[in-house]
Amino acid sequence: MAKKERKKLYRVEEGNKIFGVCGGIAEYFDIDPTIVRIVWIITTLLYGFGIIAYLVCALCMPKESEIK
């Protein structure tokens, strides 16, 4: 059996809005980036930790060019 390639979480560099975090998460889960952005905005407005979580992800997640 062929070994399955593992998915990697990274920030996208093409089509990003701010740091590419939402685009990277959307690619990882194979969903539309707009959905991830909307969920992130709702999380920020309702619970208040969305901005901090986004900044932590922007600092911790590698860029796409660093992975490939």
Protein backbone atom coordinates (compact mmCIF):
# COMPACT_ATOMS: atom_id res chain seq x y z
CA MET A 1 0.00 0.00 0.00
CA ALA A 2 1.18 3.46 -0.83
CA LYS A 3 1.83 5.78 2.06
CA LYS A 4 -0.67 8.59 2.33
CA GLU A 5 0.81 12.08 2.34
CA ARG A 6 0.07 13.97 5.55
CA LYS A 7 -1.73 17.28 5.37
CA LYS A 8 0.22 20.28 6.59
CA LEU A 9 -1.19 23.44 8.09
CA TYR A 10 0.35 26.64 6.74
CA ARG A 11 -0.46 30.25 5.89
CA VAL A 12 -1.28 30.86 2.23
CA GLU A 13 0.62 33.52 0.36
CA GLU A 14 -1.61 33.83 -2.69
CA GLY A 15 -5.10 35.18 -2.14
CA ASN A 16 -4.58 36.13 1.48
CA LYS A 17 -6.37 39.04 3.12
CA ILE A 18 -4.14 39.81 6.10
CA PHE A 19 -1.67 37.04 7.03
CA GLY A 20 -3.22 34.10 5.15
CA VAL A 21 -4.29 32.19 8.27
CA CYS A 22 -7.92 31.68 7.25
CA GLY A 23 -6.89 30.64 3.74
CA GLY A 24 -4.47 28.09 5.15
CA ILE A 25 -7.08 26.65 7.51
CA ALA A 26 -9.57 26.49 4.64
CA GLU A 27 -7.09 24.59 2.45
CA TYR A 28 -6.33 22.18 5.28
CA PHE A 29 -10.02 21.33 5.77
CA ASP A 30 -10.83 21.68 2.03
CA ILE A 31 -13.54 24.32 2.49
CA ASP A 32 -14.17 27.82 1.18
CA PRO A 33 -11.96 30.48 2.87
CA THR A 34 -14.95 32.82 3.15
CA ILE A 35 -16.63 30.39 5.54
CA VAL A 36 -13.54 30.32 7.75
CA ARG A 37 -13.36 34.13 7.72
CA ILE A 38 -17.03 34.47 8.68
CA VAL A 39 -16.66 31.97 11.54
CA TRP A 40 -13.54 33.81 12.72
CA ILE A 41 -15.36 37.16 12.71
CA ILE A 42 -18.33 35.71 14.61
CA THR A 43 -15.96 34.17 17.16
CA THR A 44 -14.26 37.53 17.60
CA LEU A 45 -17.51 39.43 18.04
CA LEU A 46 -19.18 36.94 20.38
CA TYR A 47 -16.31 35.70 22.50
CA GLY A 48 -13.56 38.25 21.99
CA PHE A 49 -10.61 35.88 21.67
CA GLY A 50 -10.62 35.68 17.86
CA ILE A 51 -8.08 38.48 17.38
CA ILE A 52 -5.62 36.98 19.84
CA ALA A 53 -6.07 33.50 18.33
CA TYR A 54 -5.51 34.91 14.83
CA LEU A 55 -2.29 36.65 15.88
CA VAL A 56 -1.02 33.51 17.60
CA CYS A 57 -1.75 31.49 14.45
CA ALA A 58 -0.06 34.12 12.28
CA LEU A 59 3.07 33.86 14.41
CA CYS A 60 3.12 30.06 14.77
CA MET A 61 1.99 28.83 11.35
CA PRO A 62 4.70 28.68 8.69
CA LYS A 63 4.22 30.26 5.28
CA GLU A 64 3.35 28.03 2.36
CA SER A 65 6.75 28.67 0.74
CA GLU A 66 8.52 27.47 3.91
CA ILE A 67 6.71 24.13 3.79
CA LYS A 68 6.88 23.24 0.09
